Protein backbone atom coordinates (compact mmCIF):
# COMPACT_ATOMS: atom_id res chain seq x y z
CA UNK A 1 116.35 78.88 94.80
CA UNK A 2 119.18 77.48 96.30
CA UNK A 3 120.64 74.22 96.19
CA UNK A 4 120.02 71.42 93.99
CA UNK A 5 118.39 67.56 94.63
CA UNK A 6 119.56 67.61 98.68
CA UNK A 7 118.05 70.36 100.85
CA UNK A 8 120.38 72.41 102.83
CA UNK A 9 118.51 71.11 105.75
CA UNK A 10 119.80 67.37 105.18
CA UNK A 11 123.36 68.99 105.20
CA UNK A 12 122.45 71.02 108.64
CA UNK A 13 121.30 67.94 110.28
CA UNK A 14 124.10 65.69 109.28
CA UNK A 15 126.52 68.63 110.40
CA UNK A 16 127.38 70.01 106.97
CA UNK A 17 127.26 73.47 108.20
CA UNK A 18 129.79 72.61 111.03
CA UNK A 19 132.22 74.93 108.46
CA UNK A 20 130.12 77.83 108.86
CA UNK A 21 131.66 78.49 112.10
CA UNK A 22 135.08 79.34 110.63
CA UNK A 23 135.30 83.03 111.60
CA UNK A 24 138.71 84.91 111.19
CA UNK A 25 137.41 88.07 113.11
CA UNK A 26 135.91 88.39 116.54
CA UNK A 27 131.96 87.80 116.17
CA UNK A 28 130.92 88.53 119.50
CA UNK A 29 129.70 92.16 118.84
CA UNK A 30 129.15 92.29 115.06
CA UNK A 31 126.81 89.26 115.44
CA UNK A 32 124.81 90.83 118.15
CA UNK A 33 122.22 92.76 116.23
CA UNK A 34 121.66 89.60 114.22
CA UNK A 35 120.64 87.31 117.00
CA UNK A 36 118.34 90.22 118.20
CA UNK A 37 116.97 90.63 114.93
CA UNK A 38 114.80 87.24 115.16
CA UNK A 39 113.11 88.48 111.69
CA UNK A 40 114.27 89.35 108.14
CA UNK A 41 112.59 89.31 105.03
CA UNK A 42 114.04 87.43 102.16
CA UNK A 43 113.29 89.20 98.54
CA UNK A 44 113.46 87.18 95.07
CA UNK A 45 113.33 89.38 92.21
CA UNK A 46 114.62 89.06 88.62
CA UNK A 47 113.81 88.35 85.03
CA UNK A 48 112.25 85.26 86.20
CA UNK A 49 109.37 87.15 87.66
CA UNK A 50 108.22 88.21 84.14
CA UNK A 51 106.86 84.42 82.84
CA UNK A 52 106.78 83.42 86.68
CA UNK A 53 109.02 80.57 86.03
CA UNK A 54 111.81 79.07 88.61
CA UNK A 55 114.51 81.13 89.21
CA UNK A 56 117.42 80.01 87.13
CA UNK A 57 116.55 76.59 87.94
CA UNK A 58 113.85 76.76 85.10
CA UNK A 59 116.49 76.34 82.47
CA UNK A 60 118.93 74.35 84.22
CA UNK A 61 116.01 71.77 84.85
CA UNK A 62 115.33 71.91 81.27
CA UNK A 63 111.82 73.16 81.64
CA UNK A 64 112.49 75.87 79.28
CA UNK A 65 115.36 76.62 76.92
CA UNK A 66 117.99 78.93 77.95
CA UNK A 67 117.31 81.41 75.27
CA UNK A 68 113.28 81.38 76.30
CA UNK A 69 114.49 82.51 79.68
CA UNK A 70 116.61 85.15 78.71
CA UNK A 71 113.84 86.24 76.49
CA UNK A 72 112.27 87.71 79.89
CA UNK A 73 114.94 90.58 79.84
CA UNK A 74 112.51 92.08 77.38
CA UNK A 75 109.69 92.12 79.82
CA UNK A 76 111.32 93.34 83.20
CA UNK A 77 110.02 96.95 83.39
CA UNK A 78 109.91 97.80 87.45
CA UNK A 79 107.55 100.25 86.35
CA UNK A 80 105.63 99.71 89.31
CA UNK A 81 108.57 99.38 91.70
CA UNK A 82 108.09 101.56 94.83
CA UNK A 83 111.34 100.73 97.24
CA UNK A 84 109.93 103.17 99.78
CA UNK A 85 106.76 101.12 100.22
CA UNK A 86 108.54 98.11 100.22
CA UNK A 87 110.82 98.79 102.80
CA UNK A 88 107.68 100.46 105.01
CA UNK A 89 106.12 96.99 104.55
CA UNK A 90 109.08 95.07 105.64
CA UNK A 91 109.33 97.42 108.92
CA UNK A 92 105.50 97.15 109.54
CA UNK A 93 106.23 93.00 109.66
CA UNK A 94 108.49 93.67 112.71
CA UNK A 95 111.53 92.72 110.42
CA UNK A 96 114.74 94.11 111.49
CA UNK A 97 116.76 93.34 108.05
CA UNK A 98 116.15 92.65 104.66
CA UNK A 99 118.00 90.53 101.81
CA UNK A 100 117.40 90.82 98.22
CA UNK A 101 118.83 88.96 95.27
CA UNK A 102 121.17 91.00 93.49
CA UNK A 103 122.03 88.27 91.24
CA UNK A 104 121.04 84.88 91.30
CA UNK A 105 122.72 81.99 89.03
CA UNK A 106 121.24 83.46 85.92
CA UNK A 107 123.66 86.03 85.99
CA UNK A 108 121.47 88.95 85.82
CA UNK A 109 122.62 91.67 87.96
CA UNK A 110 120.11 93.84 89.52
CA UNK A 111 122.90 96.69 89.98
CA UNK A 112 124.57 98.66 87.07
CA UNK A 113 127.62 96.25 87.12
CA UNK A 114 130.56 97.37 85.37
CA UNK A 115 132.04 94.54 84.66
CA UNK A 116 129.76 93.00 81.96
CA UNK A 117 126.39 94.06 80.26
CA UNK A 118 124.19 91.62 82.15
CA UNK A 119 122.12 94.02 84.31
CA UNK A 120 118.76 95.05 84.58
CA UNK A 121 120.20 98.71 84.06
CA UNK A 122 121.62 97.65 80.59
CA UNK A 123 119.36 94.78 79.02
CA UNK A 124 115.97 95.44 80.30
CA UNK A 125 113.07 97.90 79.76
CA UNK A 126 113.64 99.09 83.60
CA UNK A 127 116.87 100.70 82.40
CA UNK A 128 117.79 100.87 85.98
CA UNK A 129 119.85 99.57 89.04
CA UNK A 130 117.06 98.73 91.46
CA UNK A 131 119.33 97.87 94.29
CA UNK A 132 120.56 101.28 95.27
CA UNK A 133 116.91 102.99 96.14
CA UNK A 134 115.83 99.79 98.09
CA UNK A 135 118.97 99.99 100.08
CA UNK A 136 118.56 103.78 100.91
CA UNK A 137 114.86 103.03 101.67
CA UNK A 138 115.58 100.19 104.12
CA UNK A 139 118.41 102.39 105.86
CA UNK A 140 115.68 105.25 106.39
CA UNK A 141 113.54 102.84 107.93
CA UNK A 142 116.30 101.64 110.32
CA UNK A 143 116.46 98.52 108.70
CA UNK A 144 119.39 96.46 108.06
CA UNK A 145 120.15 95.91 104.49
CA UNK A 146 121.46 92.27 103.26
CA UNK A 147 122.80 91.32 99.40
CA UNK A 148 122.43 87.68 98.38
CA UNK A 149 124.92 87.22 95.74
CA UNK A 150 125.40 83.58 93.70
CA UNK A 151 129.02 82.94 93.54
CA UNK A 152 128.58 80.66 90.43
CA UNK A 153 127.04 82.57 87.25
CA UNK A 154 125.47 80.10 84.61
CA UNK A 155 125.44 82.57 81.83
CA UNK A 156 129.31 83.70 82.20
CA UNK A 157 131.39 82.65 79.36
CA UNK A 158 134.24 81.63 81.54
CA UNK A 159 131.92 79.71 84.47
CA UNK A 160 132.51 75.92 83.63
CA UNK A 161 128.96 75.15 83.19
CA UNK A 162 126.32 73.62 85.27
CA UNK A 163 127.02 71.18 88.00
CA UNK A 164 128.35 67.96 86.24
CA UNK A 165 128.17 69.31 82.90
CA UNK A 166 131.57 69.82 81.26
CA UNK A 167 130.62 70.73 77.86
CA UNK A 168 132.50 74.02 78.51
CA UNK A 169 135.72 72.85 80.62
CA UNK A 170 137.05 71.42 83.49
CA UNK A 171 138.77 73.69 85.87
CA UNK A 172 142.00 71.49 86.03
CA UNK A 173 142.24 71.39 81.98
CA UNK A 174 142.10 75.46 81.65
CA UNK A 175 143.08 76.92 84.91
CA UNK A 176 143.57 80.53 83.22
CA UNK A 177 139.94 80.69 82.25
CA UNK A 178 139.04 79.86 85.80
CA UNK A 179 141.09 82.54 87.32
CA UNK A 180 139.28 84.84 84.96
CA UNK A 181 135.87 83.97 86.60
CA UNK A 182 137.21 83.91 90.09
CA UNK A 183 138.28 87.67 88.85
CA UNK A 184 134.88 88.65 87.58
CA UNK A 185 133.04 87.31 90.37
CA UNK A 186 135.48 88.94 92.94
CA UNK A 187 135.29 92.10 91.08
CA UNK A 188 131.32 92.12 91.30
CA UNK A 189 131.79 91.57 95.08
CA UNK A 190 133.99 94.69 95.64
CA UNK A 191 131.17 96.78 93.74
CA UNK A 192 128.41 95.30 96.21
CA UNK A 193 130.56 96.45 98.92
CA UNK A 194 132.02 99.64 97.72
CA UNK A 195 128.44 100.70 96.40
CA UNK A 196 126.13 99.22 98.99
CA UNK A 197 128.39 98.57 102.11
CA UNK A 198 125.68 95.46 102.61
CA UNK A 199 125.31 94.73 106.42
CA UNK A 200 125.12 91.06 105.49
CA UNK A 201 126.12 88.87 102.52
CA UNK A 202 123.88 85.99 101.67
CA UNK A 203 125.73 83.92 99.39
CA UNK A 204 124.70 80.87 97.44
CA UNK A 205 125.92 78.36 95.07
CA UNK A 206 129.18 77.25 96.50
CA UNK A 207 128.11 73.73 96.07
CA UNK A 208 130.07 73.14 93.13
CA UNK A 209 133.44 73.91 93.95
CA UNK A 210 135.52 73.50 97.19
CA UNK A 211 136.43 76.60 99.15
CA UNK A 212 140.04 76.65 97.66
CA UNK A 213 138.76 76.92 94.13
CA UNK A 214 136.44 79.47 95.12
CA UNK A 215 138.99 81.12 97.10
CA UNK A 216 136.70 81.65 99.91
CA UNK A 217 139.04 83.00 102.49
CA UNK A 218 139.96 85.77 100.26
CA UNK A 219 136.45 86.56 99.55
CA UNK A 220 135.74 86.84 103.05
CA UNK A 221 138.60 89.06 103.96
CA UNK A 222 137.99 91.43 100.71
CA UNK A 223 134.53 91.80 102.33
CA UNK A 224 135.77 92.55 105.71
CA UNK A 225 138.51 94.65 105.01
CA UNK A 226 135.96 96.77 103.42
CA UNK A 227 133.75 96.87 106.23
CA UNK A 228 134.58 94.51 109.52
CA UNK A 229 131.12 94.51 110.72
CA UNK A 230 129.61 92.77 107.57
CA UNK A 231 127.88 89.23 108.42
CA UNK A 232 128.46 86.82 106.08
CA UNK A 233 126.00 83.70 105.67
CA UNK A 234 127.44 80.09 105.86
CA UNK A 235 127.11 79.32 101.95
CA UNK A 236 130.50 80.79 101.17
CA UNK A 237 132.33 77.06 101.34
CA UNK A 238 132.66 77.33 104.89
CA UNK A 239 133.85 81.02 105.56
CA UNK A 240 130.66 82.71 107.01
CA UNK A 241 129.06 83.43 110.46
CA UNK A 242 125.88 81.38 110.74
CA UNK A 243 124.43 78.43 109.44
CA UNK A 244 121.49 78.67 106.63
CA UNK A 245 118.79 75.58 106.73
CA UNK A 246 116.35 75.92 104.24
CA UNK A 247 112.62 75.22 104.06
CA UNK A 248 112.80 72.45 106.23
CA UNK A 249 112.56 73.09 110.05
CA UNK A 250 115.10 70.82 112.66
CA UNK A 251 112.96 68.78 114.68
CA UNK A 252 115.97 68.81 117.47
CA UNK A 253 117.45 72.27 118.48
CA UNK A 254 120.73 73.20 116.26
CA UNK A 255 124.05 72.76 117.94
CA UNK A 256 125.28 75.50 115.76
CA UNK A 257 124.40 78.85 116.69
CA UNK A 258 123.57 81.38 115.38
CA UNK A 259 121.71 79.56 112.72
CA UNK A 260 118.79 81.19 110.35
CA UNK A 261 115.73 79.53 108.45
CA UNK A 262 114.79 80.82 105.21
CA UNK A 263 111.57 79.94 104.04
CA UNK A 264 108.95 80.72 101.36
CA UNK A 265 105.36 82.02 101.63
CA UNK A 266 103.89 79.37 99.22
CA UNK A 267 106.07 76.84 97.48
CA UNK A 268 108.55 78.85 95.34
CA UNK A 269 111.02 81.44 95.94
CA UNK A 270 110.26 84.16 93.14
CA UNK A 271 107.06 85.17 91.58
CA UNK A 272 104.98 82.16 90.41
CA UNK A 273 100.92 82.86 89.96
CA UNK A 274 100.53 79.34 89.68
CA UNK A 275 101.39 78.59 92.96
CA UNK A 276 98.50 79.10 95.60
CA UNK A 277 99.59 77.29 98.31
CA UNK A 278 100.20 79.83 100.57
CA UNK A 279 100.84 79.86 104.28
CA UNK A 280 98.11 81.13 106.72
CA UNK A 281 99.15 83.67 109.01
CA UNK A 282 98.80 81.23 111.80
CA UNK A 283 101.05 78.66 110.19
CA UNK A 284 103.82 81.54 109.57
CA UNK A 285 103.60 82.86 113.41
CA UNK A 286 103.63 79.32 114.72
CA UNK A 287 106.74 78.73 112.68
CA UNK A 288 108.61 81.83 113.47
CA UNK A 289 107.64 81.32 117.23
CA UNK A 290 109.21 77.73 116.90
CA UNK A 291 112.37 79.37 115.49
CA UNK A 292 113.09 81.78 117.82
CA UNK A 293 112.19 79.15 120.67
CA UNK A 294 115.02 77.22 119.41
CA UNK A 295 117.31 80.30 119.19
CA UNK A 296 117.13 81.07 115.39
CA UNK A 297 116.05 83.47 113.05
CA UNK A 298 113.36 83.32 110.23
CA UNK A 299 114.21 85.03 106.90
CA UNK A 300 110.63 84.61 105.27
CA UNK A 301 110.71 85.07 101.51
CA UNK A 302 108.37 87.02 98.85
CA UNK A 303 108.41 87.47 95.48
CA UNK A 304 107.46 90.42 93.31
CA UNK A 305 105.81 90.53 89.95
CA UNK A 306 108.42 91.95 87.25
CA UNK A 307 106.81 95.24 87.61
CA UNK A 308 107.31 95.62 91.60
CA UNK A 309 104.06 94.42 92.54
CA UNK A 310 104.06 92.39 95.68
CA UNK A 311 101.31 89.69 95.67
CA UNK A 312 98.26 90.44 97.82
CA UNK A 313 98.67 87.48 99.44
CA UNK A 314 102.13 87.97 100.51
CA UNK A 315 101.37 91.74 101.30
CA UNK A 316 98.95 90.11 103.79
CA UNK A 317 101.05 87.56 105.37
CA UNK A 318 103.55 90.64 106.22
CA UNK A 319 100.79 92.94 107.66
CA UNK A 320 99.28 90.21 110.17
CA UNK A 321 102.73 88.91 111.06
CA UNK A 322 103.25 92.64 111.78
CA UNK A 323 100.32 92.90 113.97
CA UNK A 324 101.23 90.03 116.17
CA UNK A 325 105.04 90.96 116.61
CA UNK A 326 103.94 94.36 117.31
CA UNK A 327 101.99 93.07 120.12
CA UNK A 328 104.50 90.73 121.39
CA UNK A 329 107.45 92.62 120.88
CA UNK A 330 108.80 92.21 124.53
CA UNK A 331 108.83 88.31 124.03
CA UNK A 332 110.73 88.29 120.54
CA UNK A 333 113.24 90.98 119.69
CA UNK A 334 116.39 90.28 121.92
CA UNK A 335 115.27 87.37 123.61
CA UNK A 336 117.38 83.97 123.61
CA UNK A 337 116.21 80.28 123.00
CA UNK A 338 113.99 79.46 125.51
CA UNK A 339 112.96 76.04 127.49
CA UNK A 340 114.56 73.06 126.02
CA UNK A 341 112.00 70.02 125.44
CA UNK A 342 110.56 68.52 128.35
CA UNK A 343 110.18 71.59 130.53
CA UNK A 344 107.27 72.96 128.37
CA UNK A 345 104.92 71.57 125.43
CA UNK A 346 105.44 74.73 122.78
CA UNK A 347 107.70 77.15 122.29
CA UNK A 348 109.28 79.75 124.50
CA UNK A 349 111.82 82.09 124.71
CA UNK A 350 113.78 83.97 127.90
CA UNK A 351 115.07 87.58 128.21
CA UNK A 352 118.56 88.29 128.08
CA UNK A 353 118.97 87.82 131.95
CA UNK A 354 116.94 85.16 132.19
CA UNK A 355 114.56 86.52 134.71
CA UNK A 356 111.91 86.51 132.55
CA UNK A 357 110.18 83.23 130.44
CA UNK A 358 108.10 83.74 127.73
CA UNK A 359 105.15 80.95 126.89
CA UNK A 360 103.76 80.72 123.37
CA UNK A 361 100.33 79.05 123.04
CA UNK A 362 98.55 78.49 120.19
CA UNK A 363 95.24 80.37 119.41
CA UNK A 364 92.06 79.84 121.72
CA UNK A 365 94.21 77.40 123.54
CA UNK A 366 92.61 78.19 127.46
CA UNK A 367 93.48 74.83 128.91
CA UNK A 368 95.79 74.51 131.73
CA UNK A 369 99.55 74.85 130.87
CA UNK A 370 102.36 72.82 132.53
CA UNK A 371 106.04 73.98 133.43
CA UNK A 372 108.19 71.05 134.65
CA UNK A 373 111.48 71.31 136.68
CA UNK A 374 111.61 74.81 137.28
CA UNK A 375 113.31 75.49 140.67
CA UNK A 376 112.57 79.65 140.61
CA UNK A 377 109.65 81.01 142.40
CA UNK A 378 107.07 82.89 140.02
CA UNK A 379 106.67 86.42 140.76
CA UNK A 380 103.80 86.89 138.33
CA UNK A 381 102.04 85.54 135.31
CA UNK A 382 100.20 88.00 132.82
CA UNK A 383 98.75 87.61 129.11
CA UNK A 384 101.18 90.11 126.97
CA UNK A 385 99.31 93.04 125.22
CA UNK A 386 96.27 92.55 128.00
CA UNK A 387 95.98 93.47 131.84
CA UNK A 388 95.03 89.92 132.65
CA UNK A 389 96.80 88.19 135.36
CA UNK A 390 96.84 84.42 135.96
CA UNK A 391 97.23 82.37 138.73
CA UNK A 392 99.16 78.89 139.20
CA UNK A 393 99.72 76.11 141.81
CA UNK A 394 102.77 73.64 142.36
CA UNK A 395 101.74 70.40 142.14
CA UNK A 396 103.68 67.18 143.19
CA UNK A 397 106.30 68.93 145.35
CA UNK A 398 107.51 66.41 147.84
CA UNK A 399 109.06 68.32 151.37
CA UNK A 400 112.03 65.95 151.39
CA UNK A 401 112.95 66.01 147.90
CA UNK A 402 114.97 68.76 146.40
CA UNK A 403 113.17 67.84 143.08
CA UNK A 404 110.65 70.78 141.99
CA UNK A 405 107.09 70.14 141.46
CA UNK A 406 105.23 70.79 138.52
CA UNK A 407 103.69 74.41 138.07
CA UNK A 408 100.14 74.31 136.60
CA UNK A 409 99.16 77.48 134.93
CA UNK A 410 95.29 78.18 135.56
CA UNK A 411 93.18 78.82 132.34
CA UNK A 412 93.56 81.55 129.85
CA UNK A 413 90.10 83.34 129.67
CA UNK A 414 89.17 83.23 126.16
CA UNK A 415 88.83 86.90 126.08
CA UNK A 416 92.20 87.49 126.39
CA UNK A 417 93.35 84.82 123.89
CA UNK A 418 95.26 86.09 120.69
CA UNK A 419 93.69 85.20 117.30
CA UNK A 420 96.81 83.42 116.17
CA UNK A 421 99.28 82.84 119.27
CA UNK A 422 98.85 84.22 122.81
CA UNK A 423 101.77 84.68 124.62
CA UNK A 424 102.64 84.77 128.36
CA UNK A 425 104.99 86.60 130.53
CA UNK A 426 106.24 84.75 133.37
CA UNK A 427 108.27 86.69 135.67
CA UNK A 428 110.96 85.02 138.16
CA UNK A 429 112.49 85.51 141.32
CA UNK A 430 115.85 85.54 139.52
CA UNK A 431 117.78 83.77 136.84
CA UNK A 432 116.07 80.57 135.77
CA UNK A 433 117.28 77.60 137.08
CA UNK A 434 115.88 73.94 135.89
CA UNK A 435 116.04 70.77 137.06
CA UNK A 436 117.72 68.19 134.65
CA UNK A 437 117.84 65.08 136.66
CA UNK A 438 115.51 61.79 136.08
CA UNK A 439 113.27 62.17 139.41
CA UNK A 440 115.22 59.42 141.15
CA UNK A 441 114.88 59.12 145.27
CA UNK A 442 118.27 60.49 146.24
CA UNK A 443 118.11 63.59 144.06
């Protein structure tokens, strides 16, 4: 999908997304829905779904010729495309927002762009703009609409070429040509802004040029001039609102906030009939729990076939995810990052007022759970989705020491465990207060 050779996550762990926090307007209000949303659905759809090949990268990496890649234009029909059904499926998953590829690196727009003829509306049997009805369907369902957009365009005559490939030209040798390309891509962004008013812009492809060369600041200002509440991801060469690690999960809690992990349902972004390595619902749900425990969002990807049919395995994943998110809604949406490592061996979240702690327990784990360093008095512990209450006891509390003892939660009855992940609601006597010391005699 996205970055060539080095994964976005390596950049993220090395601090490569630090510039993603450059924000020119007050983000406090406009970012709130995003931080509360927790879950988004990513959709990679384009002509690459005709033959089921890598989106754009298949010709870039010479798995096939550019000419053969473009022949797929003749097979993109969208004949079974049902944007209302897509939106309903996304809503049923529990997702609060969705992001669709309006244009990938191959340069084929999924809306009827007026900048050139490179679109599904003009060059494919579909003969239609497929973005308009999808955004309308999302908004009818109350789901925020996001537009993925590739800054680079490997098909455009005024783009310099692939990565280090200088077969076309170098910017320094033909600045007029580069200015024409800047006008082109910025005009497309204006079209997206004016026609669709996206709640979120998800940029990609910024790695080939600097922020100055992209005129990234100008692009951001252009978007916000039309919609001051629009959110921009961190791949506008540093002029975004949040970080976007890709595929790889952080081992330590990210310091940059907000952040969003984008991840595929199998090993590919777009439709790949040869890829059967689908995640299981358990794997998806445990990954999601880990993400929200660390204060992030999950942007989970699906790849429809050229006709608009969504693979059965992906539908199953979203349906199972939806059953789980609906049951545990209070522990997921509108929460904040939970306990830091060492306090609890597993994911957790906190209510916004920090008065309620939610503990996520893998399927059918009924053994005793331990919370370390909790000063608060526990008012109650319950299993979400049931009327089951649990008891607990404090172990190792020494009368002369202010250091809190260990909280041992009694076994969870097997009959109330969740198929994928059980969630406990721990109500506290006030905002959570945790011991952070080393257990010394004088503490």
